[in-house]
Every structure is written in C-alpha cells, then in structure tokens.
Amino acid sequence: MRFNSHLSLGENIKLGLWARDKSVYVMAKDLQTTKNTIKTITSERFKRNDKMPPLHRRVFQYLSLHCEGFTQWAEENNITLVS
C-alpha cells in the first residue's frame, strides 16, 4: 500500500494504521502518551536525517511496524532514524 498524495500525512497515517487494525488512540496507548501528542509529532513531519527526541523515535518505529505505507513514504521523503 502506498500513501495517497491527495491526503495529508495525518490522514494517511490514520488509514495506514486502520489497515493493520490499529488507530491513533491504540498507538498512543501502546506508546503510553496521548492522542494529541501523537498528532503533534506526526504534524511536524519528522526531522529529515537528524536526531529525533526519544518519543519521536518511538513514534517513527511504531509507524514503521504498524502503519501500512509509512516505511515507503519515509524512504521516498528521505527520512531515516539517525542514532
């Protein structure tokens, strides 16, 4: 599955999580944070090739595992985790 270029990143993430029987609420619960925090982090569109704060890193990793299309989107937009 590929992200829809006509939708926002947030909408694509919602649909990608839904495709794997997850939601932003479930994601927030799994990461022990709030839904609003997840929305804020994803709206920042992630820093490209820069160090991420720990929660941003966990969100990125979670989406890589549980969001259909996220890994491909990250590769296409040159977004990677830097240790």
PDB file of N, CA and C in Angstrom:
ATOM      1  N   MET A   1       0.841  -1.178   0.000  1.00  0.00           N
ATOM      2  CA  MET A   1       0.000   0.000   0.000  1.00  0.00           C
ATOM      3  C   MET A   1       0.886   1.241   0.000  1.00  0.00           C
ATOM      4  N   ARG A   2       0.464   2.213  -0.696  1.00  0.00           N
ATOM      5  CA  ARG A   2       1.192   3.465  -0.815  1.00  0.00           C
ATOM      6  C   ARG A   2       0.330   4.596  -0.267  1.00  0.00           C
ATOM      7  N   PHE A   3       0.952   5.606   0.335  1.00  0.00           N
ATOM      8  CA  PHE A   3       0.194   6.754   0.829  1.00  0.00           C
ATOM      9  C   PHE A   3      -0.435   7.494  -0.343  1.00  0.00           C
ATOM     10  N   ASN A   4      -1.617   8.046  -0.110  1.00  0.00           N
ATOM     11  CA  ASN A   4      -2.357   8.796  -1.111  1.00  0.00           C
ATOM     12  C   ASN A   4      -1.830  10.232  -1.136  1.00  0.00           C
ATOM     13  N   SER A   5      -1.352  10.674  -2.263  1.00  0.00           N
ATOM     14  CA  SER A   5      -0.763  12.012  -2.377  1.00  0.00           C
ATOM     15  C   SER A   5      -1.800  13.132  -2.237  1.00  0.00           C
ATOM     16  N   HIS A   6      -3.084  12.785  -2.294  1.00  0.00           N
ATOM     17  CA  HIS A   6      -4.134  13.792  -2.167  1.00  0.00           C
ATOM     18  C   HIS A   6      -4.588  13.985  -0.726  1.00  0.00           C
ATOM     19  N   LEU A   7      -4.036  13.181   0.193  1.00  0.00           N
ATOM     20  CA  LEU A   7      -4.397  13.283   1.605  1.00  0.00           C
ATOM     21  C   LEU A   7      -3.219  13.809   2.408  1.00  0.00           C
ATOM     22  N   SER A   8      -3.507  14.350   3.567  1.00  0.00           N
ATOM     23  CA  SER A   8      -2.439  14.827   4.454  1.00  0.00           C
ATOM     24  C   SER A   8      -1.699  13.636   5.062  1.00  0.00           C
ATOM     25  N   LEU A   9      -0.536  13.912   5.614  1.00  0.00           N
ATOM     26  CA  LEU A   9       0.230  12.856   6.274  1.00  0.00           C
ATOM     27  C   LEU A   9      -0.599  12.251   7.410  1.00  0.00           C
ATOM     28  N   GLY A  10      -1.272  13.103   8.168  1.00  0.00           N
ATOM     29  CA  GLY A  10      -2.098  12.608   9.273  1.00  0.00           C
ATOM     30  C   GLY A  10      -3.201  11.668   8.816  1.00  0.00           C
ATOM     31  N   GLU A  11      -3.879  12.022   7.740  1.00  0.00           N
ATOM     32  CA  GLU A  11      -4.936  11.162   7.200  1.00  0.00           C
ATOM     33  C   GLU A  11      -4.365   9.854   6.681  1.00  0.00           C
ATOM     34  N   ASN A  12      -3.215   9.916   6.021  1.00  0.00           N
ATOM     35  CA  ASN A  12      -2.575   8.698   5.536  1.00  0.00           C
ATOM     36  C   ASN A  12      -2.170   7.800   6.693  1.00  0.00           C
ATOM     37  N   ILE A  13      -1.689   8.390   7.773  1.00  0.00           N
ATOM     38  CA  ILE A  13      -1.305   7.599   8.939  1.00  0.00           C
ATOM     39  C   ILE A  13      -2.538   6.933   9.542  1.00  0.00           C
ATOM     40  N   LYS A  14      -3.630   7.662   9.667  1.00  0.00           N
ATOM     41  CA  LYS A  14      -4.869   7.072  10.189  1.00  0.00           C
ATOM     42  C   LYS A  14      -5.287   5.869   9.355  1.00  0.00           C
ATOM     43  N   LEU A  15      -5.271   6.036   8.031  1.00  0.00           N
ATOM     44  CA  LEU A  15      -5.671   4.937   7.141  1.00  0.00           C
ATOM     45  C   LEU A  15      -4.673   3.776   7.188  1.00  0.00           C
ATOM     46  N   GLY A  16      -3.384   4.105   7.256  1.00  0.00           N
ATOM     47  CA  GLY A  16      -2.356   3.062   7.331  1.00  0.00           C
ATOM     48  C   GLY A  16      -2.458   2.246   8.606  1.00  0.00           C
ATOM     49  N   LEU A  17      -2.734   2.910   9.715  1.00  0.00           N
ATOM     50  CA  LEU A  17      -2.930   2.198  10.985  1.00  0.00           C
ATOM     51  C   LEU A  17      -4.197   1.354  10.912  1.00  0.00           C
ATOM     52  N   TRP A  18      -5.255   1.919  10.366  1.00  0.00           N
ATOM     53  CA  TRP A  18      -6.522   1.211  10.240  1.00  0.00           C
ATOM     54  C   TRP A  18      -6.352  -0.065   9.418  1.00  0.00           C
ATOM     55  N   ALA A  19      -5.526  -0.008   8.380  1.00  0.00           N
ATOM     56  CA  ALA A  19      -5.290  -1.177   7.528  1.00  0.00           C
ATOM     57  C   ALA A  19      -4.648  -2.323   8.310  1.00  0.00           C
ATOM     58  N   ARG A  20      -4.011  -1.997   9.414  1.00  0.00           N
ATOM     59  CA  ARG A  20      -3.380  -3.026  10.260  1.00  0.00           C
ATOM     60  C   ARG A  20      -4.108  -3.166  11.597  1.00  0.00           C
ATOM     61  N   ASP A  21      -5.394  -2.827  11.602  1.00  0.00           N
ATOM     62  CA  ASP A  21      -6.244  -2.943  12.794  1.00  0.00           C
ATOM     63  C   ASP A  21      -5.726  -2.154  13.987  1.00  0.00           C
ATOM     64  N   LYS A  22      -5.209  -0.972  13.733  1.00  0.00           N
ATOM     65  CA  LYS A  22      -4.740  -0.067  14.782  1.00  0.00           C
ATOM     66  C   LYS A  22      -5.435   1.275  14.593  1.00  0.00           C
ATOM     67  N   SER A  23      -5.214   2.182  15.525  1.00  0.00           N
ATOM     68  CA  SER A  23      -5.716   3.542  15.418  1.00  0.00           C
ATOM     69  C   SER A  23      -4.748   4.458  16.147  1.00  0.00           C
ATOM     70  N   VAL A  24      -4.921   5.756  15.997  1.00  0.00           N
ATOM     71  CA  VAL A  24      -4.067   6.708  16.702  1.00  0.00           C
ATOM     72  C   VAL A  24      -4.260   6.536  18.208  1.00  0.00           C
ATOM     73  N   TYR A  25      -5.488   6.258  18.628  1.00  0.00           N
ATOM     74  CA  TYR A  25      -5.760   6.030  20.051  1.00  0.00           C
ATOM     75  C   TYR A  25      -4.990   4.815  20.569  1.00  0.00           C
ATOM     76  N   VAL A  26      -5.038   3.707  19.832  1.00  0.00           N
ATOM     77  CA  VAL A  26      -4.320   2.487  20.227  1.00  0.00           C
ATOM     78  C   VAL A  26      -2.818   2.759  20.234  1.00  0.00           C
ATOM     79  N   MET A  27      -2.350   3.473  19.237  1.00  0.00           N
ATOM     80  CA  MET A  27      -0.932   3.816  19.162  1.00  0.00           C
ATOM     81  C   MET A  27      -0.510   4.628  20.385  1.00  0.00           C
ATOM     82  N   ALA A  28      -1.298   5.627  20.740  1.00  0.00           N
ATOM     83  CA  ALA A  28      -0.989   6.457  21.914  1.00  0.00           C
ATOM     84  C   ALA A  28      -0.963   5.598  23.175  1.00  0.00           C
ATOM     85  N   LYS A  29      -1.906   4.704  23.292  1.00  0.00           N
ATOM     86  CA  LYS A  29      -1.950   3.813  24.457  1.00  0.00           C
ATOM     87  C   LYS A  29      -0.721   2.907  24.481  1.00  0.00           C
ATOM     88  N   ASP A  30      -0.361   2.325  23.338  1.00  0.00           N
ATOM     89  CA  ASP A  30       0.812   1.450  23.249  1.00  0.00           C
ATOM     90  C   ASP A  30       2.096   2.194  23.609  1.00  0.00           C
ATOM     91  N   LEU A  31       2.187   3.472  23.224  1.00  0.00           N
ATOM     92  CA  LEU A  31       3.391   4.271  23.480  1.00  0.00           C
ATOM     93  C   LEU A  31       3.302   5.042  24.801  1.00  0.00           C
ATOM     94  N   GLN A  32       2.220   4.850  25.527  1.00  0.00           N
ATOM     95  CA  GLN A  32       1.991   5.497  26.828  1.00  0.00           C
ATOM     96  C   GLN A  32       2.090   7.023  26.736  1.00  0.00           C
ATOM     97  N   THR A  33       1.351   7.562  25.790  1.00  0.00           N
ATOM     98  CA  THR A  33       1.277   9.004  25.608  1.00  0.00           C
ATOM     99  C   THR A  33      -0.159   9.356  25.236  1.00  0.00           C
ATOM    100  N   THR A  34      -0.401  10.573  24.822  1.00  0.00           N
ATOM    101  CA  THR A  34      -1.763  10.970  24.462  1.00  0.00           C
ATOM    102  C   THR A  34      -1.939  11.023  22.945  1.00  0.00           C
ATOM    103  N   LYS A  35      -3.183  10.970  22.550  1.00  0.00           N
ATOM    104  CA  LYS A  35      -3.530  11.067  21.130  1.00  0.00           C
ATOM    105  C   LYS A  35      -3.077  12.416  20.571  1.00  0.00           C
ATOM    106  N   ASN A  36      -3.238  13.491  21.347  1.00  0.00           N
ATOM    107  CA  ASN A  36      -2.823  14.821  20.886  1.00  0.00           C
ATOM    108  C   ASN A  36      -1.317  14.909  20.694  1.00  0.00           C
ATOM    109  N   THR A  37      -0.549  14.243  21.542  1.00  0.00           N
ATOM    110  CA  THR A  37       0.901  14.231  21.382  1.00  0.00           C
ATOM    111  C   THR A  37       1.284  13.541  20.073  1.00  0.00           C
ATOM    112  N   ILE A  38       0.626  12.434  19.780  1.00  0.00           N
ATOM    113  CA  ILE A  38       0.884  11.713  18.524  1.00  0.00           C
ATOM    114  C   ILE A  38       0.547  12.617  17.341  1.00  0.00           C
ATOM    115  N   LYS A  39      -0.583  13.299  17.402  1.00  0.00           N
ATOM    116  CA  LYS A  39      -0.977  14.194  16.307  1.00  0.00           C
ATOM    117  C   LYS A  39       0.045  15.317  16.131  1.00  0.00           C
ATOM    118  N   THR A  40       0.555  15.860  17.237  1.00  0.00           N
ATOM    119  CA  THR A  40       1.553  16.928  17.157  1.00  0.00           C
ATOM    120  C   THR A  40       2.836  16.424  16.522  1.00  0.00           C
ATOM    121  N   ILE A  41       3.293  15.263  16.944  1.00  0.00           N
ATOM    122  CA  ILE A  41       4.538  14.699  16.408  1.00  0.00           C
ATOM    123  C   ILE A  41       4.398  14.420  14.917  1.00  0.00           C
ATOM    124  N   THR A  42       3.289  13.825  14.507  1.00  0.00           N
ATOM    125  CA  THR A  42       3.130  13.498  13.083  1.00  0.00           C
ATOM    126  C   THR A  42       2.894  14.740  12.241  1.00  0.00           C
ATOM    127  N   SER A  43       2.353  15.788  12.842  1.00  0.00           N
ATOM    128  CA  SER A  43       2.151  17.017  12.067  1.00  0.00           C
ATOM    129  C   SER A  43       3.469  17.754  11.837  1.00  0.00           C
ATOM    130  N   GLU A  44       4.472  17.470  12.652  1.00  0.00           N
ATOM    131  CA  GLU A  44       5.786  18.084  12.462  1.00  0.00           C
ATOM    132  C   GLU A  44       6.543  17.444  11.295  1.00  0.00           C
ATOM    133  N   ARG A  45       5.993  16.372  10.762  1.00  0.00           N
ATOM    134  CA  ARG A  45       6.533  15.669   9.589  1.00  0.00           C
ATOM    135  C   ARG A  45       7.922  15.079   9.788  1.00  0.00           C
ATOM    136  N   PHE A  46       8.358  14.940  11.001  1.00  0.00           N
ATOM    137  CA  PHE A  46       9.636  14.323  11.327  1.00  0.00           C
ATOM    138  C   PHE A  46      10.819  15.104  10.751  1.00  0.00           C
ATOM    139  N   LYS A  47      11.872  15.172  11.502  1.00  0.00           N
ATOM    140  CA  LYS A  47      13.082  15.842  11.032  1.00  0.00           C
ATOM    141  C   LYS A  47      13.799  14.909  10.066  1.00  0.00           C
ATOM    142  N   ARG A  48      14.268  15.453   8.989  1.00  0.00           N
ATOM    143  CA  ARG A  48      14.958  14.656   7.991  1.00  0.00           C
ATOM    144  C   ARG A  48      16.422  14.460   8.384  1.00  0.00           C
ATOM    145  N   ASN A  49      16.806  13.198   8.498  1.00  0.00           N
ATOM    146  CA  ASN A  49      18.192  12.834   8.761  1.00  0.00           C
ATOM    147  C   ASN A  49      18.810  13.627   9.910  1.00  0.00           C
ATOM    148  N   ASP A  50      18.094  13.748  10.970  1.00  0.00           N
ATOM    149  CA  ASP A  50      18.585  14.448  12.150  1.00  0.00           C
ATOM    150  C   ASP A  50      18.199  13.611  13.359  1.00  0.00           C
ATOM    151  N   LYS A  51      18.803  13.905  14.476  1.00  0.00           N
ATOM    152  CA  LYS A  51      18.457  13.178  15.682  1.00  0.00           C
ATOM    153  C   LYS A  51      17.048  13.553  16.113  1.00  0.00           C
ATOM    154  N   MET A  52      16.304  12.557  16.541  1.00  0.00           N
ATOM    155  CA  MET A  52      14.934  12.770  16.986  1.00  0.00           C
ATOM    156  C   MET A  52      14.878  12.604  18.499  1.00  0.00           C
ATOM    157  N   PRO A  53      13.997  13.342  19.153  1.00  0.00           N
ATOM    158  CA  PRO A  53      13.768  13.099  20.581  1.00  0.00           C
ATOM    159  C   PRO A  53      13.282  11.654  20.774  1.00  0.00           C
ATOM    160  N   PRO A  54      13.452  11.093  21.963  1.00  0.00           N
ATOM    161  CA  PRO A  54      13.078   9.688  22.183  1.00  0.00           C
ATOM    162  C   PRO A  54      11.641   9.341  21.799  1.00  0.00           C
ATOM    163  N   LEU A  55      10.670  10.198  22.145  1.00  0.00           N
ATOM    164  CA  LEU A  55       9.287   9.876  21.801  1.00  0.00           C
ATOM    165  C   LEU A  55       9.066   9.930  20.295  1.00  0.00           C
ATOM    166  N   HIS A  56       9.680  10.875  19.610  1.00  0.00           N
ATOM    167  CA  HIS A  56       9.581  10.946  18.144  1.00  0.00           C
ATOM    168  C   HIS A  56      10.149   9.657  17.535  1.00  0.00           C
ATOM    169  N   ARG A  57      11.247   9.187  18.081  1.00  0.00           N
ATOM    170  CA  ARG A  57      11.885   7.952  17.608  1.00  0.00           C
ATOM    171  C   ARG A  57      10.934   6.768  17.788  1.00  0.00           C
ATOM    172  N   ARG A  58      10.302   6.691  18.957  1.00  0.00           N
ATOM    173  CA  ARG A  58       9.374   5.585  19.224  1.00  0.00           C
ATOM    174  C   ARG A  58       8.160   5.652  18.297  1.00  0.00           C
ATOM    175  N   VAL A  59       7.671   6.862  18.027  1.00  0.00           N
ATOM    176  CA  VAL A  59       6.546   7.032  17.101  1.00  0.00           C
ATOM    177  C   VAL A  59       6.961   6.567  15.705  1.00  0.00           C
ATOM    178  N   PHE A  60       8.140   6.983  15.256  1.00  0.00           N
ATOM    179  CA  PHE A  60       8.650   6.591  13.940  1.00  0.00           C
ATOM    180  C   PHE A  60       8.756   5.069  13.846  1.00  0.00           C
ATOM    181  N   GLN A  61       9.326   4.451  14.865  1.00  0.00           N
ATOM    182  CA  GLN A  61       9.485   2.996  14.861  1.00  0.00           C
ATOM    183  C   GLN A  61       8.124   2.291  14.875  1.00  0.00           C
ATOM    184  N   TYR A  62       7.197   2.813  15.665  1.00  0.00           N
ATOM    185  CA  TYR A  62       5.859   2.229  15.736  1.00  0.00           C
ATOM    186  C   TYR A  62       5.178   2.299  14.367  1.00  0.00           C
ATOM    187  N   LEU A  63       5.248   3.468  13.747  1.00  0.00           N
ATOM    188  CA  LEU A  63       4.629   3.620  12.434  1.00  0.00           C
ATOM    189  C   LEU A  63       5.299   2.724  11.400  1.00  0.00           C
ATOM    190  N   SER A  64       6.604   2.562  11.503  1.00  0.00           N
ATOM    191  CA  SER A  64       7.316   1.680  10.571  1.00  0.00           C
ATOM    192  C   SER A  64       6.812   0.246  10.676  1.00  0.00           C
ATOM    193  N   LEU A  65       6.448  -0.161  11.877  1.00  0.00           N
ATOM    194  CA  LEU A  65       5.974  -1.533  12.090  1.00  0.00           C
ATOM    195  C   LEU A  65       4.472  -1.702  11.873  1.00  0.00           C
ATOM    196  N   HIS A  66       3.688  -0.693  12.215  1.00  0.00           N
ATOM    197  CA  HIS A  66       2.235  -0.868  12.277  1.00  0.00           C
ATOM    198  C   HIS A  66       1.423   0.001  11.327  1.00  0.00           C
ATOM    199  N   CYS A  67       2.049   0.785  10.484  1.00  0.00           N
ATOM    200  CA  CYS A  67       1.300   1.673   9.588  1.00  0.00           C
ATOM    201  C   CYS A  67       1.604   1.303   8.139  1.00  0.00           C
ATOM    202  N   GLU A  68       0.604   0.797   7.481  1.00  0.00           N
ATOM    203  CA  GLU A  68       0.730   0.396   6.076  1.00  0.00           C
ATOM    204  C   GLU A  68       1.135   1.604   5.224  1.00  0.00           C
ATOM    205  N   GLY A  69       2.253   1.484   4.523  1.00  0.00           N
ATOM    206  CA  GLY A  69       2.703   2.533   3.618  1.00  0.00           C
ATOM    207  C   GLY A  69       3.678   3.528   4.227  1.00  0.00           C
ATOM    208  N   PHE A  70       3.835   3.535   5.559  1.00  0.00           N
ATOM    209  CA  PHE A  70       4.691   4.534   6.196  1.00  0.00           C
ATOM    210  C   PHE A  70       6.159   4.356   5.821  1.00  0.00           C
ATOM    211  N   THR A  71       6.656   3.136   5.825  1.00  0.00           N
ATOM    212  CA  THR A  71       8.069   2.891   5.517  1.00  0.00           C
ATOM    213  C   THR A  71       8.406   3.380   4.117  1.00  0.00           C
ATOM    214  N   GLN A  72       7.547   3.094   3.166  1.00  0.00           N
ATOM    215  CA  GLN A  72       7.771   3.549   1.789  1.00  0.00           C
ATOM    216  C   GLN A  72       7.745   5.075   1.730  1.00  0.00           C
ATOM    217  N   TRP A  73       6.795   5.709   2.423  1.00  0.00           N
ATOM    218  CA  TRP A  73       6.716   7.166   2.454  1.00  0.00           C
ATOM    219  C   TRP A  73       7.997   7.751   3.040  1.00  0.00           C
ATOM    220  N   ALA A  74       8.493   7.170   4.133  1.00  0.00           N
ATOM    221  CA  ALA A  74       9.707   7.663   4.778  1.00  0.00           C
ATOM    222  C   ALA A  74      10.896   7.542   3.826  1.00  0.00           C
ATOM    223  N   GLU A  75      11.011   6.441   3.114  1.00  0.00           N
ATOM    224  CA  GLU A  75      12.105   6.260   2.155  1.00  0.00           C
ATOM    225  C   GLU A  75      12.008   7.289   1.030  1.00  0.00           C
ATOM    226  N   GLU A  76      10.802   7.480   0.495  1.00  0.00           N
ATOM    227  CA  GLU A  76      10.603   8.426  -0.607  1.00  0.00           C
ATOM    228  C   GLU A  76      10.909   9.864  -0.190  1.00  0.00           C
ATOM    229  N   ASN A  77      10.728  10.174   1.081  1.00  0.00           N
ATOM    230  CA  ASN A  77      10.961  11.533   1.578  1.00  0.00           C
ATOM    231  C   ASN A  77      12.284  11.662   2.311  1.00  0.00           C
ATOM    232  N   ASN A  78      13.144  10.646   2.155  1.00  0.00           N
ATOM    233  CA  ASN A  78      14.489  10.673   2.713  1.00  0.00           C
ATOM    234  C   ASN A  78      14.483  10.932   4.222  1.00  0.00           C
ATOM    235  N   ILE A  79      13.602  10.233   4.923  1.00  0.00           N
ATOM    236  CA  ILE A  79      13.509  10.352   6.377  1.00  0.00           C
ATOM    237  C   ILE A  79      13.974   9.052   6.988  1.00  0.00           C
ATOM    238  N   THR A  80      15.017   9.137   7.786  1.00  0.00           N
ATOM    239  CA  THR A  80      15.561   7.953   8.434  1.00  0.00           C
ATOM    240  C   THR A  80      15.875   8.270   9.883  1.00  0.00           C
ATOM    241  N   LEU A  81      16.043   7.232  10.670  1.00  0.00           N
ATOM    242  CA  LEU A  81      16.464   7.404  12.055  1.00  0.00           C
ATOM    243  C   LEU A  81      17.979   7.480  12.092  1.00  0.00           C
ATOM    244  N   VAL A  82      18.503   8.450  12.789  1.00  0.00           N
ATOM    245  CA  VAL A  82      19.949   8.604  12.967  1.00  0.00           C
ATOM    246  C   VAL A  82      20.226   8.376  14.432  1.00  0.00           C
ATOM    247  N   SER A  83      21.171   7.492  14.702  1.00  0.00           N
ATOM    248  CA  SER A  83      21.467   7.205  16.117  1.00  0.00           C
ATOM    249  C   SER A  83      22.447   8.192  16.702  1.00  0.00           C
TER     250      SER A  83
END
